Amino acid sequence: MGRKSSQSTGASSPNKVFGVRVDPELAKKLKILAVKKDTQVYKLLEEAITDYLKKNKEI
């Protein structure tokens, strides 16, 4: 029994699943911030990644 491939979800999920390892204290801070901002952690991460790529002229 393994995970189903992300391809099996079809068009219902336009986002790519991207797993990373994060320091536990950093993850905790992200979760707290997400609650304070009434959002989800993945949205904070998308925003941070987008800002980083813009800063480095990759977007």
PDB file of N, CA and C in Angstrom:
ATOM      1  N   MET A   1       0.834  -1.184   0.000  1.00  0.00           N
ATOM      2  CA  MET A   1       0.000   0.000   0.000  1.00  0.00           C
ATOM      3  C   MET A   1       0.871   1.237   0.000  1.00  0.00           C
ATOM      4  N   GLY A   2       0.791   2.014  -1.025  1.00  0.00           N
ATOM      5  CA  GLY A   2       1.551   3.244  -1.105  1.00  0.00           C
ATOM      6  C   GLY A   2       0.641   4.400  -1.413  1.00  0.00           C
ATOM      7  N   ARG A   3       1.222   5.530  -1.508  1.00  0.00           N
ATOM      8  CA  ARG A   3       0.466   6.716  -1.880  1.00  0.00           C
ATOM      9  C   ARG A   3       0.081   6.637  -3.338  1.00  0.00           C
ATOM     10  N   LYS A   4      -1.037   7.239  -3.650  1.00  0.00           N
ATOM     11  CA  LYS A   4      -1.419   7.339  -5.052  1.00  0.00           C
ATOM     12  C   LYS A   4      -0.608   8.444  -5.701  1.00  0.00           C
ATOM     13  N   SER A   5      -0.309   8.260  -6.927  1.00  0.00           N
ATOM     14  CA  SER A   5       0.432   9.258  -7.674  1.00  0.00           C
ATOM     15  C   SER A   5      -0.394  10.532  -7.789  1.00  0.00           C
ATOM     16  N   SER A   6       0.285  11.687  -7.777  1.00  0.00           N
ATOM     17  CA  SER A   6      -0.420  12.957  -7.917  1.00  0.00           C
ATOM     18  C   SER A   6      -1.096  13.060  -9.281  1.00  0.00           C
ATOM     19  N   GLN A   7      -0.631  12.270 -10.243  1.00  0.00           N
ATOM     20  CA  GLN A   7      -1.250  12.288 -11.558  1.00  0.00           C
ATOM     21  C   GLN A   7      -2.649  11.690 -11.519  1.00  0.00           C
ATOM     22  N   SER A   8      -2.914  10.814 -10.555  1.00  0.00           N
ATOM     23  CA  SER A   8      -4.219  10.173 -10.494  1.00  0.00           C
ATOM     24  C   SER A   8      -5.316  11.119 -10.046  1.00  0.00           C
ATOM     25  N   THR A   9      -4.944  12.297  -9.522  1.00  0.00           N
ATOM     26  CA  THR A   9      -5.957  13.245  -9.066  1.00  0.00           C
ATOM     27  C   THR A   9      -6.566  14.029 -10.225  1.00  0.00           C
ATOM     28  N   GLY A  10      -5.956  13.976 -11.368  1.00  0.00           N
ATOM     29  CA  GLY A  10      -6.506  14.626 -12.548  1.00  0.00           C
ATOM     30  C   GLY A  10      -6.537  16.135 -12.432  1.00  0.00           C
ATOM     31  N   ALA A  11      -7.506  16.764 -13.090  1.00  0.00           N
ATOM     32  CA  ALA A  11      -7.593  18.208 -13.160  1.00  0.00           C
ATOM     33  C   ALA A  11      -8.153  18.827 -11.885  1.00  0.00           C
ATOM     34  N   SER A  12      -8.590  18.015 -10.933  1.00  0.00           N
ATOM     35  CA  SER A  12      -9.190  18.575  -9.726  1.00  0.00           C
ATOM     36  C   SER A  12      -8.157  19.286  -8.850  1.00  0.00           C
ATOM     37  N   SER A  13      -6.873  19.036  -9.039  1.00  0.00           N
ATOM     38  CA  SER A  13      -5.835  19.675  -8.246  1.00  0.00           C
ATOM     39  C   SER A  13      -4.800  20.314  -9.169  1.00  0.00           C
ATOM     40  N   PRO A  14      -4.928  21.633  -9.411  1.00  0.00           N
ATOM     41  CA  PRO A  14      -4.004  22.288 -10.332  1.00  0.00           C
ATOM     42  C   PRO A  14      -2.607  22.491  -9.755  1.00  0.00           C
ATOM     43  N   ASN A  15      -2.453  22.363  -8.438  1.00  0.00           N
ATOM     44  CA  ASN A  15      -1.156  22.591  -7.806  1.00  0.00           C
ATOM     45  C   ASN A  15      -0.328  21.320  -7.761  1.00  0.00           C
ATOM     46  N   LYS A  16       0.967  21.496  -7.777  1.00  0.00           N
ATOM     47  CA  LYS A  16       1.929  20.400  -7.692  1.00  0.00           C
ATOM     48  C   LYS A  16       2.243  20.140  -6.227  1.00  0.00           C
ATOM     49  N   VAL A  17       2.198  18.891  -5.822  1.00  0.00           N
ATOM     50  CA  VAL A  17       2.596  18.523  -4.466  1.00  0.00           C
ATOM     51  C   VAL A  17       4.114  18.552  -4.409  1.00  0.00           C
ATOM     52  N   PHE A  18       4.646  19.249  -3.406  1.00  0.00           N
ATOM     53  CA  PHE A  18       6.085  19.467  -3.316  1.00  0.00           C
ATOM     54  C   PHE A  18       6.486  19.289  -1.862  1.00  0.00           C
ATOM     55  N   GLY A  19       7.061  18.140  -1.551  1.00  0.00           N
ATOM     56  CA  GLY A  19       7.425  17.838  -0.170  1.00  0.00           C
ATOM     57  C   GLY A  19       8.811  18.332   0.178  1.00  0.00           C
ATOM     58  N   VAL A  20       8.926  18.972   1.318  1.00  0.00           N
ATOM     59  CA  VAL A  20      10.222  19.434   1.810  1.00  0.00           C
ATOM     60  C   VAL A  20      10.329  19.154   3.301  1.00  0.00           C
ATOM     61  N   ARG A  21      11.546  19.052   3.785  1.00  0.00           N
ATOM     62  CA  ARG A  21      11.778  18.919   5.218  1.00  0.00           C
ATOM     63  C   ARG A  21      12.059  20.313   5.774  1.00  0.00           C
ATOM     64  N   VAL A  22      11.390  20.626   6.888  1.00  0.00           N
ATOM     65  CA  VAL A  22      11.522  21.945   7.493  1.00  0.00           C
ATOM     66  C   VAL A  22      11.841  21.768   8.972  1.00  0.00           C
ATOM     67  N   ASP A  23      12.704  22.626   9.480  1.00  0.00           N
ATOM     68  CA  ASP A  23      13.022  22.626  10.899  1.00  0.00           C
ATOM     69  C   ASP A  23      11.720  22.705  11.706  1.00  0.00           C
ATOM     70  N   PRO A  24      11.566  21.865  12.722  1.00  0.00           N
ATOM     71  CA  PRO A  24      10.316  21.834  13.496  1.00  0.00           C
ATOM     72  C   PRO A  24       9.915  23.197  14.084  1.00  0.00           C
ATOM     73  N   GLU A  25      10.883  23.963  14.553  1.00  0.00           N
ATOM     74  CA  GLU A  25      10.553  25.283  15.124  1.00  0.00           C
ATOM     75  C   GLU A  25      10.060  26.237  14.039  1.00  0.00           C
ATOM     76  N   LEU A  26      10.640  26.156  12.855  1.00  0.00           N
ATOM     77  CA  LEU A  26      10.184  26.977  11.730  1.00  0.00           C
ATOM     78  C   LEU A  26       8.765  26.579  11.323  1.00  0.00           C
ATOM     79  N   ALA A  27       8.508  25.288  11.282  1.00  0.00           N
ATOM     80  CA  ALA A  27       7.161  24.805  10.946  1.00  0.00           C
ATOM     81  C   ALA A  27       6.141  25.297  11.963  1.00  0.00           C
ATOM     82  N   LYS A  28       6.511  25.274  13.229  1.00  0.00           N
ATOM     83  CA  LYS A  28       5.618  25.745  14.293  1.00  0.00           C
ATOM     84  C   LYS A  28       5.296  27.225  14.112  1.00  0.00           C
ATOM     85  N   LYS A  29       6.326  28.018  13.815  1.00  0.00           N
ATOM     86  CA  LYS A  29       6.123  29.458  13.594  1.00  0.00           C
ATOM     87  C   LYS A  29       5.230  29.710  12.385  1.00  0.00           C
ATOM     88  N   LEU A  30       5.420  28.922  11.327  1.00  0.00           N
ATOM     89  CA  LEU A  30       4.565  29.063  10.142  1.00  0.00           C
ATOM     90  C   LEU A  30       3.110  28.745  10.468  1.00  0.00           C
ATOM     91  N   LYS A  31       2.889  27.689  11.237  1.00  0.00           N
ATOM     92  CA  LYS A  31       1.524  27.310  11.617  1.00  0.00           C
ATOM     93  C   LYS A  31       0.869  28.399  12.459  1.00  0.00           C
ATOM     94  N   ILE A  32       1.619  28.972  13.399  1.00  0.00           N
ATOM     95  CA  ILE A  32       1.082  30.049  14.235  1.00  0.00           C
ATOM     96  C   ILE A  32       0.734  31.262  13.381  1.00  0.00           C
ATOM     97  N   LEU A  33       1.633  31.631  12.474  1.00  0.00           N
ATOM     98  CA  LEU A  33       1.373  32.768  11.589  1.00  0.00           C
ATOM     99  C   LEU A  33       0.155  32.519  10.708  1.00  0.00           C
ATOM    100  N   ALA A  34       0.023  31.307  10.213  1.00  0.00           N
ATOM    101  CA  ALA A  34      -1.135  30.971   9.376  1.00  0.00           C
ATOM    102  C   ALA A  34      -2.435  31.148  10.155  1.00  0.00           C
ATOM    103  N   VAL A  35      -2.448  30.733  11.403  1.00  0.00           N
ATOM    104  CA  VAL A  35      -3.647  30.911  12.233  1.00  0.00           C
ATOM    105  C   VAL A  35      -3.917  32.393  12.458  1.00  0.00           C
ATOM    106  N   LYS A  36      -2.885  33.154  12.785  1.00  0.00           N
ATOM    107  CA  LYS A  36      -3.038  34.596  13.028  1.00  0.00           C
ATOM    108  C   LYS A  36      -3.565  35.325  11.795  1.00  0.00           C
ATOM    109  N   LYS A  37      -3.116  34.891  10.608  1.00  0.00           N
ATOM    110  CA  LYS A  37      -3.529  35.536   9.368  1.00  0.00           C
ATOM    111  C   LYS A  37      -4.776  34.891   8.756  1.00  0.00           C
ATOM    112  N   ASP A  38      -5.302  33.861   9.435  1.00  0.00           N
ATOM    113  CA  ASP A  38      -6.476  33.138   8.961  1.00  0.00           C
ATOM    114  C   ASP A  38      -6.264  32.630   7.524  1.00  0.00           C
ATOM    115  N   THR A  39      -5.154  31.944   7.341  1.00  0.00           N
ATOM    116  CA  THR A  39      -4.820  31.386   6.039  1.00  0.00           C
ATOM    117  C   THR A  39      -4.229  29.994   6.246  1.00  0.00           C
ATOM    118  N   GLN A  40      -3.696  29.427   5.185  1.00  0.00           N
ATOM    119  CA  GLN A  40      -3.098  28.102   5.256  1.00  0.00           C
ATOM    120  C   GLN A  40      -1.586  28.207   5.057  1.00  0.00           C
ATOM    121  N   VAL A  41      -0.863  27.281   5.659  1.00  0.00           N
ATOM    122  CA  VAL A  41       0.597  27.294   5.602  1.00  0.00           C
ATOM    123  C   VAL A  41       1.078  27.283   4.153  1.00  0.00           C
ATOM    124  N   TYR A  42       0.457  26.469   3.305  1.00  0.00           N
ATOM    125  CA  TYR A  42       0.947  26.386   1.924  1.00  0.00           C
ATOM    126  C   TYR A  42       0.832  27.737   1.211  1.00  0.00           C
ATOM    127  N   LYS A  43      -0.160  28.546   1.578  1.00  0.00           N
ATOM    128  CA  LYS A  43      -0.290  29.868   0.957  1.00  0.00           C
ATOM    129  C   LYS A  43       0.833  30.789   1.407  1.00  0.00           C
ATOM    130  N   LEU A  44       1.218  30.698   2.682  1.00  0.00           N
ATOM    131  CA  LEU A  44       2.360  31.478   3.162  1.00  0.00           C
ATOM    132  C   LEU A  44       3.636  31.056   2.444  1.00  0.00           C
ATOM    133  N   LEU A  45       3.796  29.748   2.259  1.00  0.00           N
ATOM    134  CA  LEU A  45       4.984  29.244   1.577  1.00  0.00           C
ATOM    135  C   LEU A  45       5.012  29.676   0.115  1.00  0.00           C
ATOM    136  N   GLU A  46       3.858  29.620  -0.552  1.00  0.00           N
ATOM    137  CA  GLU A  46       3.800  30.080  -1.953  1.00  0.00           C
ATOM    138  C   GLU A  46       4.185  31.550  -2.052  1.00  0.00           C
ATOM    139  N   GLU A  47       3.681  32.363  -1.133  1.00  0.00           N
ATOM    140  CA  GLU A  47       4.010  33.791  -1.130  1.00  0.00           C
ATOM    141  C   GLU A  47       5.504  34.005  -0.899  1.00  0.00           C
ATOM    142  N   ALA A  48       6.071  33.280   0.062  1.00  0.00           N
ATOM    143  CA  ALA A  48       7.498  33.415   0.358  1.00  0.00           C
ATOM    144  C   ALA A  48       8.362  32.982  -0.828  1.00  0.00           C
ATOM    145  N   ILE A  49       7.995  31.890  -1.460  1.00  0.00           N
ATOM    146  CA  ILE A  49       8.754  31.392  -2.615  1.00  0.00           C
ATOM    147  C   ILE A  49       8.650  32.379  -3.778  1.00  0.00           C
ATOM    148  N   THR A  50       7.455  32.895  -4.020  1.00  0.00           N
ATOM    149  CA  THR A  50       7.265  33.877  -5.091  1.00  0.00           C
ATOM    150  C   THR A  50       8.110  35.115  -4.849  1.00  0.00           C
ATOM    151  N   ASP A  51       8.084  35.628  -3.602  1.00  0.00           N
ATOM    152  CA  ASP A  51       8.896  36.804  -3.269  1.00  0.00           C
ATOM    153  C   ASP A  51      10.387  36.508  -3.462  1.00  0.00           C
ATOM    154  N   TYR A  52      10.825  35.331  -3.042  1.00  0.00           N
ATOM    155  CA  TYR A  52      12.239  34.962  -3.180  1.00  0.00           C
ATOM    156  C   TYR A  52      12.646  34.894  -4.656  1.00  0.00           C
ATOM    157  N   LEU A  53      11.808  34.298  -5.470  1.00  0.00           N
ATOM    158  CA  LEU A  53      12.131  34.199  -6.898  1.00  0.00           C
ATOM    159  C   LEU A  53      12.160  35.570  -7.566  1.00  0.00           C
ATOM    160  N   LYS A  54      11.241  36.459  -7.179  1.00  0.00           N
ATOM    161  CA  LYS A  54      11.255  37.822  -7.710  1.00  0.00           C
ATOM    162  C   LYS A  54      12.534  38.547  -7.294  1.00  0.00           C
ATOM    163  N   LYS A  55      12.892  38.381  -6.032  1.00  0.00           N
ATOM    164  CA  LYS A  55      14.102  39.010  -5.501  1.00  0.00           C
ATOM    165  C   LYS A  55      15.333  38.558  -6.285  1.00  0.00           C
ATOM    166  N   ASN A  56      15.344  37.317  -6.701  1.00  0.00           N
ATOM    167  CA  ASN A  56      16.485  36.767  -7.435  1.00  0.00           C
ATOM    168  C   ASN A  56      16.268  36.775  -8.942  1.00  0.00           C
ATOM    169  N   LYS A  57      15.284  37.549  -9.368  1.00  0.00           N
ATOM    170  CA  LYS A  57      14.996  37.775 -10.794  1.00  0.00           C
ATOM    171  C   LYS A  57      14.740  36.482 -11.568  1.00  0.00           C
ATOM    172  N   GLU A  58      14.051  35.558 -10.926  1.00  0.00           N
ATOM    173  CA  GLU A  58      13.696  34.298 -11.590  1.00  0.00           C
ATOM    174  C   GLU A  58      12.261  34.320 -12.097  1.00  0.00           C
ATOM    175  N   ILE A  59      11.522  35.365 -11.757  1.00  0.00           N
ATOM    176  CA  ILE A  59      10.142  35.493 -12.248  1.00  0.00           C
ATOM    177  C   ILE A  59      10.046  36.773 -13.047  1.00  0.00           C
TER     178      ILE A  59
END
